[in-house]
Amino acid sequence: MKKLALAGLMAVVGTAALASGYVEPMVEPEVVVAHSSSSVGGVVVPLLLLLLVAALAN
């Protein structure tokens, strides 16, 4: 009798757990930070090198 009651209880608990249906998982969106660099940063180093070479050539 205990096994029958336990089986009935498990059947009720199992169906109650599945009764809610599918729930989509909540996924946080990834935050992408784009670092923008100015074009001046790529020009300064070659200009300094050019000035250094010109100064050494004199």
PDB file of N, CA and C in Angstrom:
ATOM      1  N   MET A   1       0.825  -1.191   0.000  1.00  0.00           N
ATOM      2  CA  MET A   1       0.000   0.000   0.000  1.00  0.00           C
ATOM      3  C   MET A   1       0.872   1.259   0.000  1.00  0.00           C
ATOM      4  N   LYS A   2       2.009   1.195   0.742  1.00  0.00           N
ATOM      5  CA  LYS A   2       2.899   2.358   0.778  1.00  0.00           C
ATOM      6  C   LYS A   2       3.481   2.640  -0.600  1.00  0.00           C
ATOM      7  N   LYS A   3       3.802   1.574  -1.329  1.00  0.00           N
ATOM      8  CA  LYS A   3       4.380   1.761  -2.666  1.00  0.00           C
ATOM      9  C   LYS A   3       3.371   2.393  -3.617  1.00  0.00           C
ATOM     10  N   LEU A   4       2.117   2.019  -3.476  1.00  0.00           N
ATOM     11  CA  LEU A   4       1.075   2.580  -4.325  1.00  0.00           C
ATOM     12  C   LEU A   4       0.872   4.064  -4.021  1.00  0.00           C
ATOM     13  N   ALA A   5       0.879   4.421  -2.736  1.00  0.00           N
ATOM     14  CA  ALA A   5       0.723   5.821  -2.340  1.00  0.00           C
ATOM     15  C   ALA A   5       1.921   6.644  -2.800  1.00  0.00           C
ATOM     16  N   LEU A   6       3.119   6.059  -2.686  1.00  0.00           N
ATOM     17  CA  LEU A   6       4.329   6.756  -3.114  1.00  0.00           C
ATOM     18  C   LEU A   6       4.321   6.952  -4.639  1.00  0.00           C
ATOM     19  N   ALA A   7       3.886   5.957  -5.377  1.00  0.00           N
ATOM     20  CA  ALA A   7       3.803   6.073  -6.839  1.00  0.00           C
ATOM     21  C   ALA A   7       2.786   7.134  -7.237  1.00  0.00           C
ATOM     22  N   GLY A   8       1.664   7.186  -6.542  1.00  0.00           N
ATOM     23  CA  GLY A   8       0.655   8.209  -6.825  1.00  0.00           C
ATOM     24  C   GLY A   8       1.172   9.602  -6.532  1.00  0.00           C
ATOM     25  N   LEU A   9       1.894   9.733  -5.421  1.00  0.00           N
ATOM     26  CA  LEU A   9       2.468  11.026  -5.051  1.00  0.00           C
ATOM     27  C   LEU A   9       3.484  11.481  -6.091  1.00  0.00           C
ATOM     28  N   MET A  10       4.341  10.560  -6.544  1.00  0.00           N
ATOM     29  CA  MET A  10       5.347  10.906  -7.555  1.00  0.00           C
ATOM     30  C   MET A  10       4.686  11.294  -8.874  1.00  0.00           C
ATOM     31  N   ALA A  11       3.587  10.643  -9.219  1.00  0.00           N
ATOM     32  CA  ALA A  11       2.874  10.974 -10.452  1.00  0.00           C
ATOM     33  C   ALA A  11       2.284  12.372 -10.377  1.00  0.00           C
ATOM     34  N   VAL A  12       1.730  12.734  -9.228  1.00  0.00           N
ATOM     35  CA  VAL A  12       1.138  14.072  -9.061  1.00  0.00           C
ATOM     36  C   VAL A  12       2.221  15.139  -9.083  1.00  0.00           C
ATOM     37  N   VAL A  13       3.335  14.888  -8.389  1.00  0.00           N
ATOM     38  CA  VAL A  13       4.430  15.871  -8.343  1.00  0.00           C
ATOM     39  C   VAL A  13       5.050  16.019  -9.732  1.00  0.00           C
ATOM     40  N   GLY A  14       5.209  14.928 -10.435  1.00  0.00           N
ATOM     41  CA  GLY A  14       5.816  14.973 -11.767  1.00  0.00           C
ATOM     42  C   GLY A  14       4.975  15.737 -12.764  1.00  0.00           C
ATOM     43  N   THR A  15       3.668  15.558 -12.734  1.00  0.00           N
ATOM     44  CA  THR A  15       2.820  16.275 -13.684  1.00  0.00           C
ATOM     45  C   THR A  15       2.691  17.741 -13.322  1.00  0.00           C
ATOM     46  N   ALA A  16       2.754  18.057 -12.037  1.00  0.00           N
ATOM     47  CA  ALA A  16       2.678  19.463 -11.633  1.00  0.00           C
ATOM     48  C   ALA A  16       3.932  20.210 -12.069  1.00  0.00           C
ATOM     49  N   ALA A  17       5.057  19.522 -12.049  1.00  0.00           N
ATOM     50  CA  ALA A  17       6.309  20.162 -12.462  1.00  0.00           C
ATOM     51  C   ALA A  17       6.316  20.441 -13.959  1.00  0.00           C
ATOM     52  N   LEU A  18       5.692  19.605 -14.748  1.00  0.00           N
ATOM     53  CA  LEU A  18       5.681  19.787 -16.194  1.00  0.00           C
ATOM     54  C   LEU A  18       4.488  20.592 -16.692  1.00  0.00           C
ATOM     55  N   ALA A  19       3.579  20.939 -15.822  1.00  0.00           N
ATOM     56  CA  ALA A  19       2.356  21.622 -16.234  1.00  0.00           C
ATOM     57  C   ALA A  19       2.603  23.061 -16.665  1.00  0.00           C
ATOM     58  N   SER A  20       3.704  23.651 -16.212  1.00  0.00           N
ATOM     59  CA  SER A  20       3.936  25.059 -16.520  1.00  0.00           C
ATOM     60  C   SER A  20       4.361  25.269 -17.967  1.00  0.00           C
ATOM     61  N   GLY A  21       4.915  24.277 -18.620  1.00  0.00           N
ATOM     62  CA  GLY A  21       5.331  24.415 -20.009  1.00  0.00           C
ATOM     63  C   GLY A  21       6.746  24.926 -20.122  1.00  0.00           C
ATOM     64  N   TYR A  22       7.137  25.240 -21.341  1.00  0.00           N
ATOM     65  CA  TYR A  22       8.497  25.689 -21.615  1.00  0.00           C
ATOM     66  C   TYR A  22       8.641  27.175 -21.304  1.00  0.00           C
ATOM     67  N   VAL A  23       9.684  27.500 -20.589  1.00  0.00           N
ATOM     68  CA  VAL A  23       9.988  28.897 -20.269  1.00  0.00           C
ATOM     69  C   VAL A  23      11.338  29.220 -20.882  1.00  0.00           C
ATOM     70  N   GLU A  24      11.374  30.266 -21.716  1.00  0.00           N
ATOM     71  CA  GLU A  24      12.630  30.649 -22.344  1.00  0.00           C
ATOM     72  C   GLU A  24      13.606  31.171 -21.309  1.00  0.00           C
ATOM     73  N   PRO A  25      14.862  30.749 -21.382  1.00  0.00           N
ATOM     74  CA  PRO A  25      15.847  31.238 -20.411  1.00  0.00           C
ATOM     75  C   PRO A  25      16.151  32.713 -20.651  1.00  0.00           C
ATOM     76  N   MET A  26      16.366  33.437 -19.571  1.00  0.00           N
ATOM     77  CA  MET A  26      16.709  34.855 -19.663  1.00  0.00           C
ATOM     78  C   MET A  26      18.216  34.961 -19.883  1.00  0.00           C
ATOM     79  N   VAL A  27      18.616  35.548 -20.995  1.00  0.00           N
ATOM     80  CA  VAL A  27      20.026  35.701 -21.326  1.00  0.00           C
ATOM     81  C   VAL A  27      20.326  37.190 -21.389  1.00  0.00           C
ATOM     82  N   GLU A  28      21.312  37.600 -20.616  1.00  0.00           N
ATOM     83  CA  GLU A  28      21.708  39.004 -20.631  1.00  0.00           C
ATOM     84  C   GLU A  28      22.479  39.294 -21.918  1.00  0.00           C
ATOM     85  N   PRO A  29      22.196  40.408 -22.582  1.00  0.00           N
ATOM     86  CA  PRO A  29      22.938  40.739 -23.804  1.00  0.00           C
ATOM     87  C   PRO A  29      24.367  41.157 -23.456  1.00  0.00           C
ATOM     88  N   GLU A  30      25.298  40.778 -24.329  1.00  0.00           N
ATOM     89  CA  GLU A  30      26.687  41.160 -24.111  1.00  0.00           C
ATOM     90  C   GLU A  30      26.879  42.622 -24.505  1.00  0.00           C
ATOM     91  N   VAL A  31      27.604  43.339 -23.681  1.00  0.00           N
ATOM     92  CA  VAL A  31      27.884  44.740 -23.961  1.00  0.00           C
ATOM     93  C   VAL A  31      29.244  44.808 -24.644  1.00  0.00           C
ATOM     94  N   VAL A  32      29.256  45.334 -25.858  1.00  0.00           N
ATOM     95  CA  VAL A  32      30.491  45.459 -26.621  1.00  0.00           C
ATOM     96  C   VAL A  32      30.885  46.929 -26.632  1.00  0.00           C
ATOM     97  N   VAL A  33      32.069  47.207 -26.123  1.00  0.00           N
ATOM     98  CA  VAL A  33      32.559  48.582 -26.086  1.00  0.00           C
ATOM     99  C   VAL A  33      33.574  48.743 -27.206  1.00  0.00           C
ATOM    100  N   ALA A  34      33.269  49.629 -28.115  1.00  0.00           N
ATOM    101  CA  ALA A  34      34.181  49.876 -29.235  1.00  0.00           C
ATOM    102  C   ALA A  34      35.066  51.068 -28.886  1.00  0.00           C
ATOM    103  N   HIS A  35      36.358  50.828 -28.904  1.00  0.00           N
ATOM    104  CA  HIS A  35      37.301  51.911 -28.630  1.00  0.00           C
ATOM    105  C   HIS A  35      37.649  52.580 -29.949  1.00  0.00           C
ATOM    106  N   SER A  36      37.321  53.829 -30.042  1.00  0.00           N
ATOM    107  CA  SER A  36      37.627  54.545 -31.273  1.00  0.00           C
ATOM    108  C   SER A  36      38.958  55.264 -31.099  1.00  0.00           C
ATOM    109  N   SER A  37      39.812  55.115 -32.071  1.00  0.00           N
ATOM    110  CA  SER A  37      41.099  55.799 -32.018  1.00  0.00           C
ATOM    111  C   SER A  37      41.095  56.881 -33.090  1.00  0.00           C
ATOM    112  N   SER A  38      41.677  57.995 -32.748  1.00  0.00           N
ATOM    113  CA  SER A  38      41.725  59.084 -33.724  1.00  0.00           C
ATOM    114  C   SER A  38      42.849  58.831 -34.712  1.00  0.00           C
ATOM    115  N   SER A  39      42.746  59.420 -35.867  1.00  0.00           N
ATOM    116  CA  SER A  39      43.767  59.242 -36.892  1.00  0.00           C
ATOM    117  C   SER A  39      45.051  59.972 -36.529  1.00  0.00           C
ATOM    118  N   VAL A  40      44.987  60.908 -35.599  1.00  0.00           N
ATOM    119  CA  VAL A  40      46.167  61.665 -35.184  1.00  0.00           C
ATOM    120  C   VAL A  40      47.155  60.745 -34.470  1.00  0.00           C
ATOM    121  N   GLY A  41      46.657  59.767 -33.721  1.00  0.00           N
ATOM    122  CA  GLY A  41      47.529  58.862 -32.986  1.00  0.00           C
ATOM    123  C   GLY A  41      48.427  58.054 -33.894  1.00  0.00           C
ATOM    124  N   GLY A  42      47.999  57.751 -35.094  1.00  0.00           N
ATOM    125  CA  GLY A  42      48.811  56.996 -36.036  1.00  0.00           C
ATOM    126  C   GLY A  42      49.783  57.852 -36.813  1.00  0.00           C
ATOM    127  N   VAL A  43      49.684  59.170 -36.708  1.00  0.00           N
ATOM    128  CA  VAL A  43      50.536  60.075 -37.474  1.00  0.00           C
ATOM    129  C   VAL A  43      51.655  60.633 -36.614  1.00  0.00           C
ATOM    130  N   VAL A  44      51.449  60.728 -35.322  1.00  0.00           N
ATOM    131  CA  VAL A  44      52.412  61.385 -34.434  1.00  0.00           C
ATOM    132  C   VAL A  44      53.736  60.640 -34.413  1.00  0.00           C
ATOM    133  N   VAL A  45      53.709  59.335 -34.268  1.00  0.00           N
ATOM    134  CA  VAL A  45      54.956  58.564 -34.157  1.00  0.00           C
ATOM    135  C   VAL A  45      55.792  58.663 -35.429  1.00  0.00           C
ATOM    136  N   PRO A  46      55.217  58.486 -36.622  1.00  0.00           N
ATOM    137  CA  PRO A  46      56.051  58.651 -37.828  1.00  0.00           C
ATOM    138  C   PRO A  46      56.601  60.069 -37.988  1.00  0.00           C
ATOM    139  N   LEU A  47      55.821  61.081 -37.608  1.00  0.00           N
ATOM    140  CA  LEU A  47      56.332  62.459 -37.702  1.00  0.00           C
ATOM    141  C   LEU A  47      57.490  62.679 -36.753  1.00  0.00           C
ATOM    142  N   LEU A  48      57.407  62.140 -35.553  1.00  0.00           N
ATOM    143  CA  LEU A  48      58.515  62.273 -34.601  1.00  0.00           C
ATOM    144  C   LEU A  48      59.757  61.537 -35.126  1.00  0.00           C
ATOM    145  N   LEU A  49      59.551  60.370 -35.716  1.00  0.00           N
ATOM    146  CA  LEU A  49      60.679  59.648 -36.303  1.00  0.00           C
ATOM    147  C   LEU A  49      61.313  60.443 -37.447  1.00  0.00           C
ATOM    148  N   LEU A  50      60.468  61.049 -38.280  1.00  0.00           N
ATOM    149  CA  LEU A  50      60.974  61.854 -39.392  1.00  0.00           C
ATOM    150  C   LEU A  50      61.792  63.049 -38.878  1.00  0.00           C
ATOM    151  N   LEU A  51      61.269  63.707 -37.838  1.00  0.00           N
ATOM    152  CA  LEU A  51      62.011  64.831 -37.234  1.00  0.00           C
ATOM    153  C   LEU A  51      63.327  64.361 -36.632  1.00  0.00           C
ATOM    154  N   LEU A  52      63.338  63.203 -36.016  1.00  0.00           N
ATOM    155  CA  LEU A  52      64.564  62.675 -35.409  1.00  0.00           C
ATOM    156  C   LEU A  52      65.595  62.357 -36.470  1.00  0.00           C
ATOM    157  N   VAL A  53      65.163  61.750 -37.573  1.00  0.00           N
ATOM    158  CA  VAL A  53      66.085  61.423 -38.665  1.00  0.00           C
ATOM    159  C   VAL A  53      66.599  62.706 -39.314  1.00  0.00           C
ATOM    160  N   ALA A  54      65.720  63.680 -39.486  1.00  0.00           N
ATOM    161  CA  ALA A  54      66.151  64.960 -40.088  1.00  0.00           C
ATOM    162  C   ALA A  54      67.148  65.672 -39.175  1.00  0.00           C
ATOM    163  N   ALA A  55      66.929  65.590 -37.859  1.00  0.00           N
ATOM    164  CA  ALA A  55      67.839  66.254 -36.924  1.00  0.00           C
ATOM    165  C   ALA A  55      69.191  65.549 -36.915  1.00  0.00           C
ATOM    166  N   LEU A  56      69.206  64.244 -37.020  1.00  0.00           N
ATOM    167  CA  LEU A  56      70.479  63.500 -37.024  1.00  0.00           C
ATOM    168  C   LEU A  56      71.227  63.668 -38.343  1.00  0.00           C
ATOM    169  N   ALA A  57      70.500  63.904 -39.444  1.00  0.00           N
ATOM    170  CA  ALA A  57      71.118  64.066 -40.755  1.00  0.00           C
ATOM    171  C   ALA A  57      71.859  65.397 -40.858  1.00  0.00           C
ATOM    172  N   ASN A  58      71.470  66.382 -40.078  1.00  0.00           N
ATOM    173  CA  ASN A  58      72.127  67.710 -40.152  1.00  0.00           C
ATOM    174  C   ASN A  58      73.385  67.720 -39.390  1.00  0.00           C
TER     175      ASN A  58
END
